[in-house]
Amino acid sequence: MALLVISYLAFTPLDTPVVTEFNDKLSHIVAFFTLAFLVDFSWPRSKWKPIKYLPLFGYGLFIEVVQAFMPHRLFSTWDLVADILGLLIYPLVLPLLLRIPRLQQLRHGTVK
């Protein structure tokens, strides 16, 4: 579902222009942080490994390449950098997330 929402937002024309570049990049960081979280917790018994997120990087690159051919969008290296940043921030924040008891249970596969 998250991929559908992100794809929709990435490929539809913007009704309103992005207010600032900062907001746009923050949106990319949050989106790819969220995708990293979802991938990580979808396979809770496997440890965090960078290789798990290679498909997410590929997805970000795919979005930018497709946007290069769309009249209402552009390829942006900085968008791709923001995507990567979201993926890199996730493992740094993960120890804080694992302080939440419910997430600990999900991570260790002990949720009933």
PDB file of N, CA and C in Angstrom:
ATOM      1  N   MET A   1       0.820  -1.178   0.000  1.00  0.00           N
ATOM      2  CA  MET A   1       0.000   0.000   0.000  1.00  0.00           C
ATOM      3  C   MET A   1       0.881   1.264   0.000  1.00  0.00           C
ATOM      4  N   ALA A   2       1.937   1.220   0.803  1.00  0.00           N
ATOM      5  CA  ALA A   2       2.831   2.379   0.863  1.00  0.00           C
ATOM      6  C   ALA A   2       3.463   2.652  -0.498  1.00  0.00           C
ATOM      7  N   LEU A   3       3.846   1.592  -1.210  1.00  0.00           N
ATOM      8  CA  LEU A   3       4.435   1.776  -2.544  1.00  0.00           C
ATOM      9  C   LEU A   3       3.428   2.395  -3.504  1.00  0.00           C
ATOM     10  N   LEU A   4       2.171   2.001  -3.391  1.00  0.00           N
ATOM     11  CA  LEU A   4       1.137   2.583  -4.253  1.00  0.00           C
ATOM     12  C   LEU A   4       0.962   4.073  -3.982  1.00  0.00           C
ATOM     13  N   VAL A   5       0.912   4.438  -2.715  1.00  0.00           N
ATOM     14  CA  VAL A   5       0.742   5.851  -2.351  1.00  0.00           C
ATOM     15  C   VAL A   5       1.939   6.665  -2.828  1.00  0.00           C
ATOM     16  N   ILE A   6       3.138   6.171  -2.568  1.00  0.00           N
ATOM     17  CA  ILE A   6       4.343   6.905  -2.973  1.00  0.00           C
ATOM     18  C   ILE A   6       4.423   7.003  -4.494  1.00  0.00           C
ATOM     19  N   SER A   7       4.090   5.918  -5.190  1.00  0.00           N
ATOM     20  CA  SER A   7       4.099   5.952  -6.660  1.00  0.00           C
ATOM     21  C   SER A   7       3.081   6.953  -7.187  1.00  0.00           C
ATOM     22  N   TYR A   8       1.900   6.966  -6.604  1.00  0.00           N
ATOM     23  CA  TYR A   8       0.874   7.924  -7.021  1.00  0.00           C
ATOM     24  C   TYR A   8       1.389   9.357  -6.855  1.00  0.00           C
ATOM     25  N   LEU A   9       1.959   9.641  -5.696  1.00  0.00           N
ATOM     26  CA  LEU A   9       2.475  10.991  -5.443  1.00  0.00           C
ATOM     27  C   LEU A   9       3.642  11.334  -6.368  1.00  0.00           C
ATOM     28  N   ALA A  10       4.436  10.340  -6.721  1.00  0.00           N
ATOM     29  CA  ALA A  10       5.614  10.582  -7.562  1.00  0.00           C
ATOM     30  C   ALA A  10       5.269  10.819  -9.023  1.00  0.00           C
ATOM     31  N   PHE A  11       4.177  10.227  -9.494  1.00  0.00           N
ATOM     32  CA  PHE A  11       3.896  10.268 -10.926  1.00  0.00           C
ATOM     33  C   PHE A  11       2.731  11.158 -11.337  1.00  0.00           C
ATOM     34  N   THR A  12       1.964  11.656 -10.400  1.00  0.00           N
ATOM     35  CA  THR A  12       0.846  12.521 -10.780  1.00  0.00           C
ATOM     36  C   THR A  12       1.310  13.970 -10.852  1.00  0.00           C
ATOM     37  N   PRO A  13       0.646  14.769 -11.687  1.00  0.00           N
ATOM     38  CA  PRO A  13       1.013  16.188 -11.758  1.00  0.00           C
ATOM     39  C   PRO A  13       0.757  16.878 -10.418  1.00  0.00           C
ATOM     40  N   LEU A  14       1.591  17.832 -10.124  1.00  0.00           N
ATOM     41  CA  LEU A  14       1.414  18.599  -8.895  1.00  0.00           C
ATOM     42  C   LEU A  14       0.341  19.656  -9.112  1.00  0.00           C
ATOM     43  N   ASP A  15      -0.709  19.622  -8.289  1.00  0.00           N
ATOM     44  CA  ASP A  15      -1.738  20.656  -8.372  1.00  0.00           C
ATOM     45  C   ASP A  15      -1.216  21.975  -7.820  1.00  0.00           C
ATOM     46  N   THR A  16      -0.401  21.860  -6.787  1.00  0.00           N
ATOM     47  CA  THR A  16       0.210  23.047  -6.203  1.00  0.00           C
ATOM     48  C   THR A  16       1.715  22.840  -6.204  1.00  0.00           C
ATOM     49  N   PRO A  17       2.458  23.874  -6.517  1.00  0.00           N
ATOM     50  CA  PRO A  17       3.914  23.713  -6.518  1.00  0.00           C
ATOM     51  C   PRO A  17       4.433  23.452  -5.105  1.00  0.00           C
ATOM     52  N   VAL A  18       5.539  22.743  -5.037  1.00  0.00           N
ATOM     53  CA  VAL A  18       6.166  22.492  -3.747  1.00  0.00           C
ATOM     54  C   VAL A  18       6.594  23.832  -3.172  1.00  0.00           C
ATOM     55  N   VAL A  19       6.224  24.073  -1.921  1.00  0.00           N
ATOM     56  CA  VAL A  19       6.485  25.376  -1.307  1.00  0.00           C
ATOM     57  C   VAL A  19       7.977  25.659  -1.245  1.00  0.00           C
ATOM     58  N   THR A  20       8.730  24.705  -0.769  1.00  0.00           N
ATOM     59  CA  THR A  20      10.184  24.887  -0.705  1.00  0.00           C
ATOM     60  C   THR A  20      10.867  23.578  -1.073  1.00  0.00           C
ATOM     61  N   GLU A  21      12.087  23.691  -1.501  1.00  0.00           N
ATOM     62  CA  GLU A  21      12.886  22.504  -1.791  1.00  0.00           C
ATOM     63  C   GLU A  21      13.078  21.669  -0.530  1.00  0.00           C
ATOM     64  N   PHE A  22      13.182  22.356   0.622  1.00  0.00           N
ATOM     65  CA  PHE A  22      13.376  21.645   1.887  1.00  0.00           C
ATOM     66  C   PHE A  22      12.207  20.706   2.158  1.00  0.00           C
ATOM     67  N   ASN A  23      10.975  21.189   1.974  1.00  0.00           N
ATOM     68  CA  ASN A  23       9.795  20.346   2.199  1.00  0.00           C
ATOM     69  C   ASN A  23       9.792  19.147   1.268  1.00  0.00           C
ATOM     70  N   ASP A  24      10.169  19.360   0.026  1.00  0.00           N
ATOM     71  CA  ASP A  24      10.210  18.268  -0.943  1.00  0.00           C
ATOM     72  C   ASP A  24      11.219  17.210  -0.516  1.00  0.00           C
ATOM     73  N   LYS A  25      12.398  17.641  -0.136  1.00  0.00           N
ATOM     74  CA  LYS A  25      13.439  16.688   0.261  1.00  0.00           C
ATOM     75  C   LYS A  25      13.057  15.984   1.558  1.00  0.00           C
ATOM     76  N   LEU A  26      12.442  16.707   2.478  1.00  0.00           N
ATOM     77  CA  LEU A  26      11.979  16.098   3.724  1.00  0.00           C
ATOM     78  C   LEU A  26      10.938  15.017   3.434  1.00  0.00           C
ATOM     79  N   SER A  27      10.078  15.264   2.462  1.00  0.00           N
ATOM     80  CA  SER A  27       9.078  14.264   2.064  1.00  0.00           C
ATOM     81  C   SER A  27       9.753  12.999   1.541  1.00  0.00           C
ATOM     82  N   HIS A  28      10.814  13.170   0.765  1.00  0.00           N
ATOM     83  CA  HIS A  28      11.557  12.014   0.249  1.00  0.00           C
ATOM     84  C   HIS A  28      12.204  11.236   1.396  1.00  0.00           C
ATOM     85  N   ILE A  29      12.818  11.957   2.317  1.00  0.00           N
ATOM     86  CA  ILE A  29      13.473  11.307   3.460  1.00  0.00           C
ATOM     87  C   ILE A  29      12.454  10.518   4.271  1.00  0.00           C
ATOM     88  N   VAL A  30      11.321  11.133   4.581  1.00  0.00           N
ATOM     89  CA  VAL A  30      10.281  10.464   5.378  1.00  0.00           C
ATOM     90  C   VAL A  30       9.722   9.253   4.631  1.00  0.00           C
ATOM     91  N   ALA A  31       9.479   9.397   3.341  1.00  0.00           N
ATOM     92  CA  ALA A  31       8.926   8.288   2.556  1.00  0.00           C
ATOM     93  C   ALA A  31       9.865   7.086   2.563  1.00  0.00           C
ATOM     94  N   PHE A  32      11.151   7.314   2.346  1.00  0.00           N
ATOM     95  CA  PHE A  32      12.077   6.188   2.261  1.00  0.00           C
ATOM     96  C   PHE A  32      12.472   5.657   3.632  1.00  0.00           C
ATOM     97  N   PHE A  33      12.426   6.485   4.650  1.00  0.00           N
ATOM     98  CA  PHE A  33      12.578   6.007   6.030  1.00  0.00           C
ATOM     99  C   PHE A  33      11.429   5.050   6.346  1.00  0.00           C
ATOM    100  N   THR A  34      10.213   5.458   5.975  1.00  0.00           N
ATOM    101  CA  THR A  34       9.026   4.635   6.218  1.00  0.00           C
ATOM    102  C   THR A  34       9.109   3.315   5.458  1.00  0.00           C
ATOM    103  N   LEU A  35       9.540   3.368   4.207  1.00  0.00           N
ATOM    104  CA  LEU A  35       9.693   2.130   3.435  1.00  0.00           C
ATOM    105  C   LEU A  35      10.736   1.208   4.072  1.00  0.00           C
ATOM    106  N   ALA A  36      11.837   1.780   4.554  1.00  0.00           N
ATOM    107  CA  ALA A  36      12.864   0.971   5.224  1.00  0.00           C
ATOM    108  C   ALA A  36      12.285   0.308   6.471  1.00  0.00           C
ATOM    109  N   PHE A  37      11.510   1.061   7.233  1.00  0.00           N
ATOM    110  CA  PHE A  37      10.848   0.521   8.424  1.00  0.00           C
ATOM    111  C   PHE A  37       9.932  -0.643   8.045  1.00  0.00           C
ATOM    112  N   LEU A  38       9.123  -0.439   7.018  1.00  0.00           N
ATOM    113  CA  LEU A  38       8.179  -1.476   6.597  1.00  0.00           C
ATOM    114  C   LEU A  38       8.896  -2.731   6.102  1.00  0.00           C
ATOM    115  N   VAL A  39       9.969  -2.553   5.348  1.00  0.00           N
ATOM    116  CA  VAL A  39      10.748  -3.711   4.887  1.00  0.00           C
ATOM    117  C   VAL A  39      11.356  -4.435   6.080  1.00  0.00           C
ATOM    118  N   ASP A  40      11.942  -3.684   6.992  1.00  0.00           N
ATOM    119  CA  ASP A  40      12.605  -4.276   8.150  1.00  0.00           C
ATOM    120  C   ASP A  40      11.624  -5.072   9.007  1.00  0.00           C
ATOM    121  N   PHE A  41      10.462  -4.508   9.263  1.00  0.00           N
ATOM    122  CA  PHE A  41       9.501  -5.178  10.136  1.00  0.00           C
ATOM    123  C   PHE A  41       8.635  -6.194   9.395  1.00  0.00           C
ATOM    124  N   SER A  42       8.727  -6.232   8.085  1.00  0.00           N
ATOM    125  CA  SER A  42       8.034  -7.274   7.326  1.00  0.00           C
ATOM    126  C   SER A  42       8.787  -8.599   7.415  1.00  0.00           C
ATOM    127  N   TRP A  43      10.077  -8.533   7.647  1.00  0.00           N
ATOM    128  CA  TRP A  43      10.903  -9.718   7.844  1.00  0.00           C
ATOM    129  C   TRP A  43      11.598  -9.575   9.190  1.00  0.00           C
ATOM    130  N   PRO A  44      10.838  -9.743  10.285  1.00  0.00           N
ATOM    131  CA  PRO A  44      11.358  -9.411  11.615  1.00  0.00           C
ATOM    132  C   PRO A  44      12.503 -10.296  12.098  1.00  0.00           C
ATOM    133  N   ARG A  45      12.597 -11.505  11.623  1.00  0.00           N
ATOM    134  CA  ARG A  45      13.640 -12.400  12.137  1.00  0.00           C
ATOM    135  C   ARG A  45      15.011 -12.154  11.503  1.00  0.00           C
ATOM    136  N   SER A  46      15.029 -11.406  10.421  1.00  0.00           N
ATOM    137  CA  SER A  46      16.324 -11.095   9.809  1.00  0.00           C
ATOM    138  C   SER A  46      16.831  -9.769  10.362  1.00  0.00           C
ATOM    139  N   LYS A  47      18.093  -9.719  10.620  1.00  0.00           N
ATOM    140  CA  LYS A  47      18.704  -8.490  11.142  1.00  0.00           C
ATOM    141  C   LYS A  47      18.711  -7.413  10.069  1.00  0.00           C
ATOM    142  N   TRP A  48      18.933  -6.180  10.517  1.00  0.00           N
ATOM    143  CA  TRP A  48      19.044  -5.081   9.557  1.00  0.00           C
ATOM    144  C   TRP A  48      20.298  -5.327   8.734  1.00  0.00           C
ATOM    145  N   LYS A  49      20.112  -5.377   7.434  1.00  0.00           N
ATOM    146  CA  LYS A  49      21.240  -5.541   6.513  1.00  0.00           C
ATOM    147  C   LYS A  49      21.040  -4.565   5.362  1.00  0.00           C
ATOM    148  N   PRO A  50      22.091  -3.873   4.985  1.00  0.00           N
ATOM    149  CA  PRO A  50      21.946  -2.913   3.882  1.00  0.00           C
ATOM    150  C   PRO A  50      21.396  -3.541   2.605  1.00  0.00           C
ATOM    151  N   ILE A  51      21.688  -4.823   2.374  1.00  0.00           N
ATOM    152  CA  ILE A  51      21.239  -5.469   1.139  1.00  0.00           C
ATOM    153  C   ILE A  51      19.710  -5.530   1.068  1.00  0.00           C
ATOM    154  N   LYS A  52      19.041  -5.515   2.222  1.00  0.00           N
ATOM    155  CA  LYS A  52      17.575  -5.537   2.235  1.00  0.00           C
ATOM    156  C   LYS A  52      16.996  -4.277   1.597  1.00  0.00           C
ATOM    157  N   TYR A  53      17.779  -3.223   1.574  1.00  0.00           N
ATOM    158  CA  TYR A  53      17.264  -1.933   1.118  1.00  0.00           C
ATOM    159  C   TYR A  53      17.704  -1.578  -0.289  1.00  0.00           C
ATOM    160  N   LEU A  54      18.484  -2.449  -0.904  1.00  0.00           N
ATOM    161  CA  LEU A  54      18.900  -2.220  -2.286  1.00  0.00           C
ATOM    162  C   LEU A  54      17.697  -2.092  -3.225  1.00  0.00           C
ATOM    163  N   PRO A  55      16.660  -2.930  -3.080  1.00  0.00           N
ATOM    164  CA  PRO A  55      15.475  -2.740  -3.931  1.00  0.00           C
ATOM    165  C   PRO A  55      14.798  -1.382  -3.711  1.00  0.00           C
ATOM    166  N   LEU A  56      14.867  -0.857  -2.498  1.00  0.00           N
ATOM    167  CA  LEU A  56      14.273   0.462  -2.247  1.00  0.00           C
ATOM    168  C   LEU A  56      15.064   1.557  -2.962  1.00  0.00           C
ATOM    169  N   PHE A  57      16.384   1.432  -2.965  1.00  0.00           N
ATOM    170  CA  PHE A  57      17.193   2.375  -3.736  1.00  0.00           C
ATOM    171  C   PHE A  57      16.826   2.275  -5.210  1.00  0.00           C
ATOM    172  N   GLY A  58      16.691   1.040  -5.698  1.00  0.00           N
ATOM    173  CA  GLY A  58      16.286   0.827  -7.093  1.00  0.00           C
ATOM    174  C   GLY A  58      14.939   1.454  -7.396  1.00  0.00           C
ATOM    175  N   TYR A  59      14.024   1.367  -6.460  1.00  0.00           N
ATOM    176  CA  TYR A  59      12.705   1.977  -6.616  1.00  0.00           C
ATOM    177  C   TYR A  59      12.829   3.502  -6.721  1.00  0.00           C
ATOM    178  N   GLY A  60      13.657   4.102  -5.863  1.00  0.00           N
ATOM    179  CA  GLY A  60      13.878   5.549  -5.922  1.00  0.00           C
ATOM    180  C   GLY A  60      14.489   5.970  -7.249  1.00  0.00           C
ATOM    181  N   LEU A  61      15.449   5.199  -7.719  1.00  0.00           N
ATOM    182  CA  LEU A  61      16.075   5.481  -9.016  1.00  0.00           C
ATOM    183  C   LEU A  61      15.052   5.325 -10.140  1.00  0.00           C
ATOM    184  N   PHE A  62      14.239   4.281 -10.067  1.00  0.00           N
ATOM    185  CA  PHE A  62      13.179   4.055 -11.055  1.00  0.00           C
ATOM    186  C   PHE A  62      12.240   5.260 -11.125  1.00  0.00           C
ATOM    187  N   ILE A  63      11.832   5.764  -9.974  1.00  0.00           N
ATOM    188  CA  ILE A  63      10.942   6.933  -9.936  1.00  0.00           C
ATOM    189  C   ILE A  63      11.581   8.105 -10.669  1.00  0.00           C
ATOM    190  N   GLU A  64      12.839   8.377 -10.370  1.00  0.00           N
ATOM    191  CA  GLU A  64      13.506   9.529 -10.978  1.00  0.00           C
ATOM    192  C   GLU A  64      13.671   9.356 -12.486  1.00  0.00           C
ATOM    193  N   VAL A  65      13.993   8.152 -12.929  1.00  0.00           N
ATOM    194  CA  VAL A  65      14.150   7.905 -14.370  1.00  0.00           C
ATOM    195  C   VAL A  65      12.815   8.092 -15.078  1.00  0.00           C
ATOM    196  N   VAL A  66      11.747   7.549 -14.519  1.00  0.00           N
ATOM    197  CA  VAL A  66      10.421   7.719 -15.126  1.00  0.00           C
ATOM    198  C   VAL A  66      10.046   9.198 -15.165  1.00  0.00           C
ATOM    199  N   GLN A  67      10.323   9.920 -14.083  1.00  0.00           N
ATOM    200  CA  GLN A  67       9.987  11.346 -14.038  1.00  0.00           C
ATOM    201  C   GLN A  67      10.747  12.140 -15.096  1.00  0.00           C
ATOM    202  N   ALA A  68      11.912  11.666 -15.492  1.00  0.00           N
ATOM    203  CA  ALA A  68      12.688  12.360 -16.528  1.00  0.00           C
ATOM    204  C   ALA A  68      11.945  12.390 -17.862  1.00  0.00           C
ATOM    205  N   PHE A  69      11.054  11.436 -18.071  1.00  0.00           N
ATOM    206  CA  PHE A  69      10.305  11.350 -19.325  1.00  0.00           C
ATOM    207  C   PHE A  69       8.884  11.895 -19.213  1.00  0.00           C
ATOM    208  N   MET A  70       8.557  12.462 -18.074  1.00  0.00           N
ATOM    209  CA  MET A  70       7.209  13.001 -17.871  1.00  0.00           C
ATOM    210  C   MET A  70       7.240  14.514 -18.058  1.00  0.00           C
ATOM    211  N   PRO A  71       6.244  15.076 -18.749  1.00  0.00           N
ATOM    212  CA  PRO A  71       6.259  16.516 -19.021  1.00  0.00           C
ATOM    213  C   PRO A  71       6.110  17.382 -17.766  1.00  0.00           C
ATOM    214  N   HIS A  72       5.476  16.854 -16.746  1.00  0.00           N
ATOM    215  CA  HIS A  72       5.217  17.654 -15.549  1.00  0.00           C
ATOM    216  C   HIS A  72       6.171  17.328 -14.400  1.00  0.00           C
ATOM    217  N   ARG A  73       7.197  16.523 -14.667  1.00  0.00           N
ATOM    218  CA  ARG A  73       8.168  16.139 -13.641  1.00  0.00           C
ATOM    219  C   ARG A  73       9.579  16.217 -14.209  1.00  0.00           C
ATOM    220  N   LEU A  74      10.577  16.153 -13.316  1.00  0.00           N
ATOM    221  CA  LEU A  74      11.985  16.207 -13.716  1.00  0.00           C
ATOM    222  C   LEU A  74      12.778  15.150 -12.963  1.00  0.00           C
ATOM    223  N   PHE A  75      13.866  14.689 -13.569  1.00  0.00           N
ATOM    224  CA  PHE A  75      14.825  13.846 -12.848  1.00  0.00           C
ATOM    225  C   PHE A  75      15.569  14.754 -11.879  1.00  0.00           C
ATOM    226  N   SER A  76      15.708  14.317 -10.638  1.00  0.00           N
ATOM    227  CA  SER A  76      16.415  15.121  -9.652  1.00  0.00           C
ATOM    228  C   SER A  76      17.402  14.256  -8.878  1.00  0.00           C
ATOM    229  N   THR A  77      18.670  14.566  -9.038  1.00  0.00           N
ATOM    230  CA  THR A  77      19.699  13.867  -8.272  1.00  0.00           C
ATOM    231  C   THR A  77      19.498  14.114  -6.786  1.00  0.00           C
ATOM    232  N   TRP A  78      19.067  15.322  -6.435  1.00  0.00           N
ATOM    233  CA  TRP A  78      18.863  15.653  -5.023  1.00  0.00           C
ATOM    234  C   TRP A  78      17.703  14.873  -4.418  1.00  0.00           C
ATOM    235  N   ASP A  79      16.697  14.562  -5.219  1.00  0.00           N
ATOM    236  CA  ASP A  79      15.618  13.698  -4.724  1.00  0.00           C
ATOM    237  C   ASP A  79      16.171  12.310  -4.412  1.00  0.00           C
ATOM    238  N   LEU A  80      17.026  11.818  -5.280  1.00  0.00           N
ATOM    239  CA  LEU A  80      17.636  10.507  -5.064  1.00  0.00           C
ATOM    240  C   LEU A  80      18.528  10.528  -3.821  1.00  0.00           C
ATOM    241  N   VAL A  81      19.256  11.614  -3.621  1.00  0.00           N
ATOM    242  CA  VAL A  81      20.083  11.762  -2.418  1.00  0.00           C
ATOM    243  C   VAL A  81      19.195  11.754  -1.171  1.00  0.00           C
ATOM    244  N   ALA A  82      18.061  12.437  -1.227  1.00  0.00           N
ATOM    245  CA  ALA A  82      17.133  12.459  -0.090  1.00  0.00           C
ATOM    246  C   ALA A  82      16.565  11.063   0.173  1.00  0.00           C
ATOM    247  N   ASP A  83      16.284  10.312  -0.891  1.00  0.00           N
ATOM    248  CA  ASP A  83      15.808   8.933  -0.728  1.00  0.00           C
ATOM    249  C   ASP A  83      16.856   8.103   0.018  1.00  0.00           C
ATOM    250  N   ILE A  84      18.099   8.226  -0.417  1.00  0.00           N
ATOM    251  CA  ILE A  84      19.196   7.482   0.209  1.00  0.00           C
ATOM    252  C   ILE A  84      19.360   7.905   1.661  1.00  0.00           C
ATOM    253  N   LEU A  85      19.224   9.192   1.920  1.00  0.00           N
ATOM    254  CA  LEU A  85      19.326   9.694   3.291  1.00  0.00           C
ATOM    255  C   LEU A  85      18.273   9.049   4.186  1.00  0.00           C
ATOM    256  N   GLY A  86      17.048   8.931   3.683  1.00  0.00           N
ATOM    257  CA  GLY A  86      15.995   8.264   4.452  1.00  0.00           C
ATOM    258  C   GLY A  86      16.368   6.828   4.782  1.00  0.00           C
ATOM    259  N   LEU A  87      16.981   6.135   3.819  1.00  0.00           N
ATOM    260  CA  LEU A  87      17.409   4.754   4.045  1.00  0.00           C
ATOM    261  C   LEU A  87      18.574   4.674   5.031  1.00  0.00           C
ATOM    262  N   LEU A  88      19.458   5.676   5.012  1.00  0.00           N
ATOM    263  CA  LEU A  88      20.613   5.679   5.913  1.00  0.00           C
ATOM    264  C   LEU A  88      20.252   6.110   7.331  1.00  0.00           C
ATOM    265  N   ILE A  89      19.250   6.957   7.463  1.00  0.00           N
ATOM    266  CA  ILE A  89      18.825   7.421   8.790  1.00  0.00           C
ATOM    267  C   ILE A  89      18.119   6.302   9.552  1.00  0.00           C
ATOM    268  N   TYR A  90      17.400   5.447   8.827  1.00  0.00           N
ATOM    269  CA  TYR A  90      16.614   4.401   9.489  1.00  0.00           C
ATOM    270  C   TYR A  90      17.425   3.559  10.482  1.00  0.00           C
ATOM    271  N   PRO A  91      18.575   2.976  10.095  1.00  0.00           N
ATOM    272  CA  PRO A  91      19.294   2.144  11.069  1.00  0.00           C
ATOM    273  C   PRO A  91      19.837   2.942  12.254  1.00  0.00           C
ATOM    274  N   LEU A  92      20.000   4.250  12.083  1.00  0.00           N
ATOM    275  CA  LEU A  92      20.452   5.081  13.195  1.00  0.00           C
ATOM    276  C   LEU A  92      19.333   5.305  14.212  1.00  0.00           C
ATOM    277  N   VAL A  93      18.097   5.353  13.724  1.00  0.00           N
ATOM    278  CA  VAL A  93      16.933   5.592  14.586  1.00  0.00           C
ATOM    279  C   VAL A  93      16.375   4.278  15.138  1.00  0.00           C
ATOM    280  N   LEU A  94      16.693   3.168  14.496  1.00  0.00           N
ATOM    281  CA  LEU A  94      16.150   1.869  14.889  1.00  0.00           C
ATOM    282  C   LEU A  94      16.324   1.554  16.374  1.00  0.00           C
ATOM    283  N   PRO A  95      17.489   1.779  16.986  1.00  0.00           N
ATOM    284  CA  PRO A  95      17.607   1.489  18.421  1.00  0.00           C
ATOM    285  C   PRO A  95      16.593   2.271  19.270  1.00  0.00           C
ATOM    286  N   LEU A  96      16.287   3.490  18.872  1.00  0.00           N
ATOM    287  CA  LEU A  96      15.273   4.264  19.603  1.00  0.00           C
ATOM    288  C   LEU A  96      13.886   3.666  19.400  1.00  0.00           C
ATOM    289  N   LEU A  97      13.592   3.240  18.186  1.00  0.00           N
ATOM    290  CA  LEU A  97      12.294   2.622  17.906  1.00  0.00           C
ATOM    291  C   LEU A  97      12.117   1.330  18.695  1.00  0.00           C
ATOM    292  N   LEU A  98      13.196   0.601  18.869  1.00  0.00           N
ATOM    293  CA  LEU A  98      13.110  -0.680  19.565  1.00  0.00           C
ATOM    294  C   LEU A  98      12.926  -0.528  21.069  1.00  0.00           C
ATOM    295  N   ARG A  99      12.916   0.677  21.568  1.00  0.00           N
ATOM    296  CA  ARG A  99      12.568   0.915  22.971  1.00  0.00           C
ATOM    297  C   ARG A  99      11.060   0.836  23.186  1.00  0.00           C
ATOM    298  N   ILE A 100      10.311   0.888  22.100  1.00  0.00           N
ATOM    299  CA  ILE A 100       8.854   0.780  22.174  1.00  0.00           C
ATOM    300  C   ILE A 100       8.525  -0.710  22.302  1.00  0.00           C
ATOM    301  N   PRO A 101       7.872  -1.108  23.410  1.00  0.00           N
ATOM    302  CA  PRO A 101       7.637  -2.539  23.654  1.00  0.00           C
ATOM    303  C   PRO A 101       6.951  -3.272  22.491  1.00  0.00           C
ATOM    304  N   ARG A 102       5.946  -2.686  21.896  1.00  0.00           N
ATOM    305  CA  ARG A 102       5.228  -3.352  20.800  1.00  0.00           C
ATOM    306  C   ARG A 102       6.155  -3.598  19.604  1.00  0.00           C
ATOM    307  N   LEU A 103       7.026  -2.647  19.308  1.00  0.00           N
ATOM    308  CA  LEU A 103       7.969  -2.829  18.204  1.00  0.00           C
ATOM    309  C   LEU A 103       9.016  -3.884  18.539  1.00  0.00           C
ATOM    310  N   GLN A 104       9.397  -3.970  19.820  1.00  0.00           N
ATOM    311  CA  GLN A 104      10.312  -5.040  20.239  1.00  0.00           C
ATOM    312  C   GLN A 104       9.687  -6.398  19.970  1.00  0.00           C
ATOM    313  N   GLN A 105       8.395  -6.529  20.311  1.00  0.00           N
ATOM    314  CA  GLN A 105       7.692  -7.796  20.087  1.00  0.00           C
ATOM    315  C   GLN A 105       7.625  -8.121  18.596  1.00  0.00           C
ATOM    316  N   LEU A 106       7.298  -7.122  17.797  1.00  0.00           N
ATOM    317  CA  LEU A 106       7.232  -7.337  16.353  1.00  0.00           C
ATOM    318  C   LEU A 106       8.589  -7.750  15.801  1.00  0.00           C
ATOM    319  N   ARG A 107       9.612  -7.091  16.271  1.00  0.00           N
ATOM    320  CA  ARG A 107      10.968  -7.348  15.784  1.00  0.00           C
ATOM    321  C   ARG A 107      11.428  -8.765  16.106  1.00  0.00           C
ATOM    322  N   HIS A 108      11.038  -9.235  17.289  1.00  0.00           N
ATOM    323  CA  HIS A 108      11.473 -10.562  17.719  1.00  0.00           C
ATOM    324  C   HIS A 108      10.469 -11.652  17.366  1.00  0.00           C
ATOM    325  N   GLY A 109       9.408 -11.263  16.680  1.00  0.00           N
ATOM    326  CA  GLY A 109       8.423 -12.244  16.236  1.00  0.00           C
ATOM    327  C   GLY A 109       7.633 -12.876  17.359  1.00  0.00           C
ATOM    328  N   THR A 110       7.464 -12.154  18.474  1.00  0.00           N
ATOM    329  CA  THR A 110       6.743 -12.708  19.624  1.00  0.00           C
ATOM    330  C   THR A 110       5.323 -12.172  19.747  1.00  0.00           C
ATOM    331  N   VAL A 111       4.847 -11.480  18.727  1.00  0.00           N
ATOM    332  CA  VAL A 111       3.485 -10.942  18.755  1.00  0.00           C
ATOM    333  C   VAL A 111       2.520 -12.054  18.390  1.00  0.00           C
ATOM    334  N   LYS A 112       1.439 -12.155  19.159  1.00  0.00           N
ATOM    335  CA  LYS A 112       0.432 -13.193  18.882  1.00  0.00           C
ATOM    336  C   LYS A 112      -0.659 -12.672  18.001  1.00  0.00           C
TER     337      LYS A 112
END
